[in-house]
């Protein structure tokens, strides 16, 4: 990894940490409208394509 790539990665990691800190603090609320077990990923994909979902969709393990 070049120095430039390393610097970009460090910046990205820092920004991700800042984002997760804000979400964890409760300042930003992320609504999850539906969840699917990972084993049902094909159904989740079909539902997304068919517009049967709204908002955020999460696959769980």
PDB file of N, CA and C in Angstrom:
ATOM      1  N   UNK A   1       0.853  -1.171   0.000  1.00  0.00           N
ATOM      2  CA  UNK A   1       0.000   0.000   0.000  1.00  0.00           C
ATOM      3  C   UNK A   1       0.895   1.229   0.000  1.00  0.00           C
ATOM      4  N   UNK A   2       0.605   2.156  -0.908  1.00  0.00           N
ATOM      5  CA  UNK A   2       1.414   3.366  -0.978  1.00  0.00           C
ATOM      6  C   UNK A   2       1.040   4.311   0.157  1.00  0.00           C
ATOM      7  N   UNK A   3       1.893   5.307   0.374  1.00  0.00           N
ATOM      8  CA  UNK A   3       1.613   6.293   1.433  1.00  0.00           C
ATOM      9  C   UNK A   3       0.291   7.006   1.185  1.00  0.00           C
ATOM     10  N   UNK A   4       0.035   7.315  -0.082  1.00  0.00           N
ATOM     11  CA  UNK A   4      -1.204   8.004  -0.437  1.00  0.00           C
ATOM     12  C   UNK A   4      -2.425   7.145  -0.092  1.00  0.00           C
ATOM     13  N   UNK A   5      -2.341   5.845  -0.413  1.00  0.00           N
ATOM     14  CA  UNK A   5      -3.447   4.944  -0.092  1.00  0.00           C
ATOM     15  C   UNK A   5      -3.601   4.810   1.419  1.00  0.00           C
ATOM     16  N   UNK A   6      -2.490   4.743   2.134  1.00  0.00           N
ATOM     17  CA  UNK A   6      -2.544   4.641   3.587  1.00  0.00           C
ATOM     18  C   UNK A   6      -3.197   5.864   4.213  1.00  0.00           C
ATOM     19  N   UNK A   7      -2.867   7.045   3.678  1.00  0.00           N
ATOM     20  CA  UNK A   7      -3.467   8.283   4.194  1.00  0.00           C
ATOM     21  C   UNK A   7      -4.965   8.310   3.910  1.00  0.00           C
ATOM     22  N   UNK A   8      -5.351   7.859   2.711  1.00  0.00           N
ATOM     23  CA  UNK A   8      -6.775   7.824   2.371  1.00  0.00           C
ATOM     24  C   UNK A   8      -7.518   6.859   3.290  1.00  0.00           C
ATOM     25  N   UNK A   9      -6.907   5.708   3.554  1.00  0.00           N
ATOM     26  CA  UNK A   9      -7.536   4.727   4.440  1.00  0.00           C
ATOM     27  C   UNK A   9      -7.681   5.288   5.842  1.00  0.00           C
ATOM     28  N   UNK A  10      -6.639   5.943   6.351  1.00  0.00           N
ATOM     29  CA  UNK A  10      -6.706   6.535   7.694  1.00  0.00           C
ATOM     30  C   UNK A  10      -7.812   7.575   7.770  1.00  0.00           C
ATOM     31  N   UNK A  11      -7.947   8.390   6.742  1.00  0.00           N
ATOM     32  CA  UNK A  11      -9.003   9.404   6.717  1.00  0.00           C
ATOM     33  C   UNK A  11     -10.376   8.741   6.688  1.00  0.00           C
ATOM     34  N   UNK A  12     -10.515   7.694   5.893  1.00  0.00           N
ATOM     35  CA  UNK A  12     -11.793   6.992   5.804  1.00  0.00           C
ATOM     36  C   UNK A  12     -12.155   6.349   7.145  1.00  0.00           C
ATOM     37  N   UNK A  13     -11.183   5.727   7.795  1.00  0.00           N
ATOM     38  CA  UNK A  13     -11.428   5.095   9.093  1.00  0.00           C
ATOM     39  C   UNK A  13     -11.833   6.152  10.117  1.00  0.00           C
ATOM     40  N   UNK A  14     -11.173   7.297  10.098  1.00  0.00           N
ATOM     41  CA  UNK A  14     -11.503   8.376  11.036  1.00  0.00           C
ATOM     42  C   UNK A  14     -12.924   8.891  10.790  1.00  0.00           C
ATOM     43  N   UNK A  15     -13.294   9.058   9.524  1.00  0.00           N
ATOM     44  CA  UNK A  15     -14.649   9.535   9.202  1.00  0.00           C
ATOM     45  C   UNK A  15     -15.697   8.504   9.597  1.00  0.00           C
ATOM     46  N   UNK A  16     -15.417   7.227   9.371  1.00  0.00           N
ATOM     47  CA  UNK A  16     -16.360   6.172   9.753  1.00  0.00           C
ATOM     48  C   UNK A  16     -16.555   6.159  11.262  1.00  0.00           C
ATOM     49  N   UNK A  17     -15.459   6.302  12.015  1.00  0.00           N
ATOM     50  CA  UNK A  17     -15.558   6.341  13.473  1.00  0.00           C
ATOM     51  C   UNK A  17     -16.413   7.518  13.919  1.00  0.00           C
ATOM     52  N   UNK A  18     -16.196   8.671  13.294  1.00  0.00           N
ATOM     53  CA  UNK A  18     -16.987   9.858  13.642  1.00  0.00           C
ATOM     54  C   UNK A  18     -18.468   9.620  13.361  1.00  0.00           C
ATOM     55  N   UNK A  19     -18.775   9.023  12.217  1.00  0.00           N
ATOM     56  CA  UNK A  19     -20.167   8.726  11.869  1.00  0.00           C
ATOM     57  C   UNK A  19     -20.792   7.778  12.887  1.00  0.00           C
ATOM     58  N   UNK A  20     -20.099   6.671  13.204  1.00  0.00           N
ATOM     59  CA  UNK A  20     -20.646   5.713  14.154  1.00  0.00           C
ATOM     60  C   UNK A  20     -20.791   6.321  15.542  1.00  0.00           C
ATOM     61  N   UNK A  21     -19.895   7.213  15.934  1.00  0.00           N
ATOM     62  CA  UNK A  21     -20.018   7.900  17.222  1.00  0.00           C
ATOM     63  C   UNK A  21     -21.278   8.755  17.263  1.00  0.00           C
ATOM     64  N   UNK A  22     -21.566   9.467  16.167  1.00  0.00           N
ATOM     65  CA  UNK A  22     -22.771  10.307  16.097  1.00  0.00           C
ATOM     66  C   UNK A  22     -24.024   9.439  16.168  1.00  0.00           C
ATOM     67  N   UNK A  23     -24.046   8.337  15.421  1.00  0.00           N
ATOM     68  CA  UNK A  23     -25.207   7.441  15.448  1.00  0.00           C
ATOM     69  C   UNK A  23     -25.380   6.858  16.846  1.00  0.00           C
ATOM     70  N   UNK A  24     -24.272   6.401  17.437  1.00  0.00           N
ATOM     71  CA  UNK A  24     -24.346   5.796  18.768  1.00  0.00           C
ATOM     72  C   UNK A  24     -24.814   6.801  19.822  1.00  0.00           C
ATOM     73  N   UNK A  25     -24.497   8.075  19.648  1.00  0.00           N
ATOM     74  CA  UNK A  25     -24.902   9.098  20.612  1.00  0.00           C
ATOM     75  C   UNK A  25     -26.407   9.357  20.570  1.00  0.00           C
ATOM     76  N   UNK A  26     -27.054   8.936  19.477  1.00  0.00           N
ATOM     77  CA  UNK A  26     -28.490   9.163  19.343  1.00  0.00           C
ATOM     78  C   UNK A  26     -28.823  10.430  18.574  1.00  0.00           C
ATOM     79  N   UNK A  27     -27.808  11.195  18.169  1.00  0.00           N
ATOM     80  CA  UNK A  27     -28.042  12.427  17.421  1.00  0.00           C
ATOM     81  C   UNK A  27     -28.654  12.137  16.050  1.00  0.00           C
ATOM     82  N   UNK A  28     -28.360  10.968  15.512  1.00  0.00           N
ATOM     83  CA  UNK A  28     -28.922  10.535  14.243  1.00  0.00           C
ATOM     84  C   UNK A  28     -29.591   9.192  14.480  1.00  0.00           C
ATOM     85  N   UNK A  29     -30.817   9.052  14.013  1.00  0.00           N
ATOM     86  CA  UNK A  29     -31.559   7.813  14.185  1.00  0.00           C
ATOM     87  C   UNK A  29     -31.695   7.128  12.840  1.00  0.00           C
ATOM     88  N   UNK A  30     -31.296   5.876  12.764  1.00  0.00           N
ATOM     89  CA  UNK A  30     -31.434   5.100  11.541  1.00  0.00           C
ATOM     90  C   UNK A  30     -32.568   4.106  11.750  1.00  0.00           C
ATOM     91  N   UNK A  31     -33.614   4.279  10.966  1.00  0.00           N
ATOM     92  CA  UNK A  31     -34.770   3.385  11.057  1.00  0.00           C
ATOM     93  C   UNK A  31     -34.555   2.183  10.146  1.00  0.00           C
ATOM     94  N   UNK A  32     -34.693   1.004  10.707  1.00  0.00           N
ATOM     95  CA  UNK A  32     -34.593  -0.237   9.938  1.00  0.00           C
ATOM     96  C   UNK A  32     -36.002  -0.770   9.784  1.00  0.00           C
ATOM     97  N   UNK A  33     -36.480  -0.789   8.558  1.00  0.00           N
ATOM     98  CA  UNK A  33     -37.874  -1.160   8.316  1.00  0.00           C
ATOM     99  C   UNK A  33     -38.096  -2.656   8.169  1.00  0.00           C
ATOM    100  N   UNK A  34     -37.063  -3.383   7.761  1.00  0.00           N
ATOM    101  CA  UNK A  34     -37.194  -4.829   7.654  1.00  0.00           C
ATOM    102  C   UNK A  34     -35.826  -5.474   7.762  1.00  0.00           C
ATOM    103  N   UNK A  35     -35.844  -6.700   8.264  1.00  0.00           N
ATOM    104  CA  UNK A  35     -34.616  -7.489   8.361  1.00  0.00           C
ATOM    105  C   UNK A  35     -34.881  -8.859   7.749  1.00  0.00           C
ATOM    106  N   UNK A  36     -33.821  -9.432   7.212  1.00  0.00           N
ATOM    107  CA  UNK A  36     -33.884 -10.777   6.644  1.00  0.00           C
ATOM    108  C   UNK A  36     -32.691 -11.554   7.179  1.00  0.00           C
ATOM    109  N   UNK A  37     -32.885 -12.810   7.556  1.00  0.00           N
ATOM    110  CA  UNK A  37     -31.722 -13.640   7.886  1.00  0.00           C
ATOM    111  C   UNK A  37     -30.875 -13.817   6.628  1.00  0.00           C
ATOM    112  N   UNK A  38     -29.579 -13.931   6.800  1.00  0.00           N
ATOM    113  CA  UNK A  38     -28.677 -14.063   5.661  1.00  0.00           C
ATOM    114  C   UNK A  38     -29.075 -15.228   4.751  1.00  0.00           C
ATOM    115  N   UNK A  39     -29.617 -16.297   5.343  1.00  0.00           N
ATOM    116  CA  UNK A  39     -30.026 -17.451   4.536  1.00  0.00           C
ATOM    117  C   UNK A  39     -31.157 -17.095   3.567  1.00  0.00           C
ATOM    118  N   UNK A  40     -31.870 -15.985   3.806  1.00  0.00           N
ATOM    119  CA  UNK A  40     -32.970 -15.548   2.942  1.00  0.00           C
ATOM    120  C   UNK A  40     -32.568 -14.390   2.035  1.00  0.00           C
ATOM    121  N   UNK A  41     -31.273 -14.294   1.724  1.00  0.00           N
ATOM    122  CA  UNK A  41     -30.796 -13.177   0.917  1.00  0.00           C
ATOM    123  C   UNK A  41     -31.472 -13.130  -0.451  1.00  0.00           C
ATOM    124  N   UNK A  42     -31.773 -14.274  -1.042  1.00  0.00           N
ATOM    125  CA  UNK A  42     -32.440 -14.281  -2.350  1.00  0.00           C
ATOM    126  C   UNK A  42     -33.833 -13.661  -2.246  1.00  0.00           C
ATOM    127  N   UNK A  43     -34.573 -13.981  -1.181  1.00  0.00           N
ATOM    128  CA  UNK A  43     -35.902 -13.390  -0.970  1.00  0.00           C
ATOM    129  C   UNK A  43     -35.780 -11.885  -0.748  1.00  0.00           C
ATOM    130  N   UNK A  44     -34.788 -11.479   0.039  1.00  0.00           N
ATOM    131  CA  UNK A  44     -34.578 -10.051   0.281  1.00  0.00           C
ATOM    132  C   UNK A  44     -34.318  -9.332  -1.042  1.00  0.00           C
ATOM    133  N   UNK A  45     -33.505  -9.929  -1.886  1.00  0.00           N
ATOM    134  CA  UNK A  45     -33.186  -9.324  -3.176  1.00  0.00           C
ATOM    135  C   UNK A  45     -34.433  -9.220  -4.046  1.00  0.00           C
ATOM    136  N   UNK A  46     -35.225 -10.280  -4.076  1.00  0.00           N
ATOM    137  CA  UNK A  46     -36.475 -10.243  -4.858  1.00  0.00           C
ATOM    138  C   UNK A  46     -37.413  -9.164  -4.328  1.00  0.00           C
ATOM    139  N   UNK A  47     -37.543  -9.074  -3.002  1.00  0.00           N
ATOM    140  CA  UNK A  47     -38.426  -8.062  -2.412  1.00  0.00           C
ATOM    141  C   UNK A  47     -37.943  -6.655  -2.733  1.00  0.00           C
ATOM    142  N   UNK A  48     -36.625  -6.433  -2.683  1.00  0.00           N
ATOM    143  CA  UNK A  48     -36.080  -5.120  -3.035  1.00  0.00           C
ATOM    144  C   UNK A  48     -36.378  -4.786  -4.501  1.00  0.00           C
ATOM    145  N   UNK A  49     -36.150  -5.748  -5.385  1.00  0.00           N
ATOM    146  CA  UNK A  49     -36.410  -5.521  -6.811  1.00  0.00           C
ATOM    147  C   UNK A  49     -37.880  -5.252  -7.085  1.00  0.00           C
ATOM    148  N   UNK A  50     -38.766  -5.908  -6.332  1.00  0.00           N
ATOM    149  CA  UNK A  50     -40.211  -5.769  -6.537  1.00  0.00           C
ATOM    150  C   UNK A  50     -40.795  -4.574  -5.781  1.00  0.00           C
ATOM    151  N   UNK A  51     -39.932  -3.782  -5.169  1.00  0.00           N
ATOM    152  CA  UNK A  51     -40.365  -2.596  -4.386  1.00  0.00           C
ATOM    153  C   UNK A  51     -41.312  -2.980  -3.242  1.00  0.00           C
ATOM    154  N   UNK A  52     -41.081  -4.146  -2.645  1.00  0.00           N
ATOM    155  CA  UNK A  52     -41.888  -4.591  -1.510  1.00  0.00           C
ATOM    156  C   UNK A  52     -41.292  -4.133  -0.183  1.00  0.00           C
ATOM    157  N   UNK A  53     -40.215  -3.373  -0.239  1.00  0.00           N
ATOM    158  CA  UNK A  53     -39.564  -2.878   0.969  1.00  0.00           C
ATOM    159  C   UNK A  53     -39.577  -1.361   0.961  1.00  0.00           C
ATOM    160  N   UNK A  54     -39.420  -0.794   2.142  1.00  0.00           N
ATOM    161  CA  UNK A  54     -39.284   0.659   2.257  1.00  0.00           C
ATOM    162  C   UNK A  54     -38.154   0.948   3.213  1.00  0.00           C
ATOM    163  N   UNK A  55     -37.490   2.055   3.025  1.00  0.00           N
ATOM    164  CA  UNK A  55     -36.429   2.449   3.938  1.00  0.00           C
ATOM    165  C   UNK A  55     -35.266   1.468   3.946  1.00  0.00           C
ATOM    166  N   UNK A  56     -34.652   1.352   5.103  1.00  0.00           N
ATOM    167  CA  UNK A  56     -33.452   0.509   5.252  1.00  0.00           C
ATOM    168  C   UNK A  56     -33.808  -0.950   5.420  1.00  0.00           C
ATOM    169  N   UNK A  57     -33.018  -1.800   4.773  1.00  0.00           N
ATOM    170  CA  UNK A  57     -33.154  -3.240   4.879  1.00  0.00           C
ATOM    171  C   UNK A  57     -31.831  -3.794   5.383  1.00  0.00           C
ATOM    172  N   UNK A  58     -31.879  -4.699   6.355  1.00  0.00           N
ATOM    173  CA  UNK A  58     -30.664  -5.255   6.933  1.00  0.00           C
ATOM    174  C   UNK A  58     -30.699  -6.760   6.851  1.00  0.00           C
ATOM    175  N   UNK A  59     -29.560  -7.339   6.455  1.00  0.00           N
ATOM    176  CA  UNK A  59     -29.384  -8.800   6.509  1.00  0.00           C
ATOM    177  C   UNK A  59     -28.750  -9.130   7.851  1.00  0.00           C
ATOM    178  N   UNK A  60     -29.303 -10.113   8.545  1.00  0.00           N
ATOM    179  CA  UNK A  60     -28.768 -10.498   9.860  1.00  0.00           C
ATOM    180  C   UNK A  60     -28.066 -11.843   9.769  1.00  0.00           C
ATOM    181  N   UNK A  61     -27.076 -12.014  10.629  1.00  0.00           N
ATOM    182  CA  UNK A  61     -26.359 -13.295  10.668  1.00  0.00           C
ATOM    183  C   UNK A  61     -26.605 -13.986  11.979  1.00  0.00           C
TER     184      UNK A  61
END
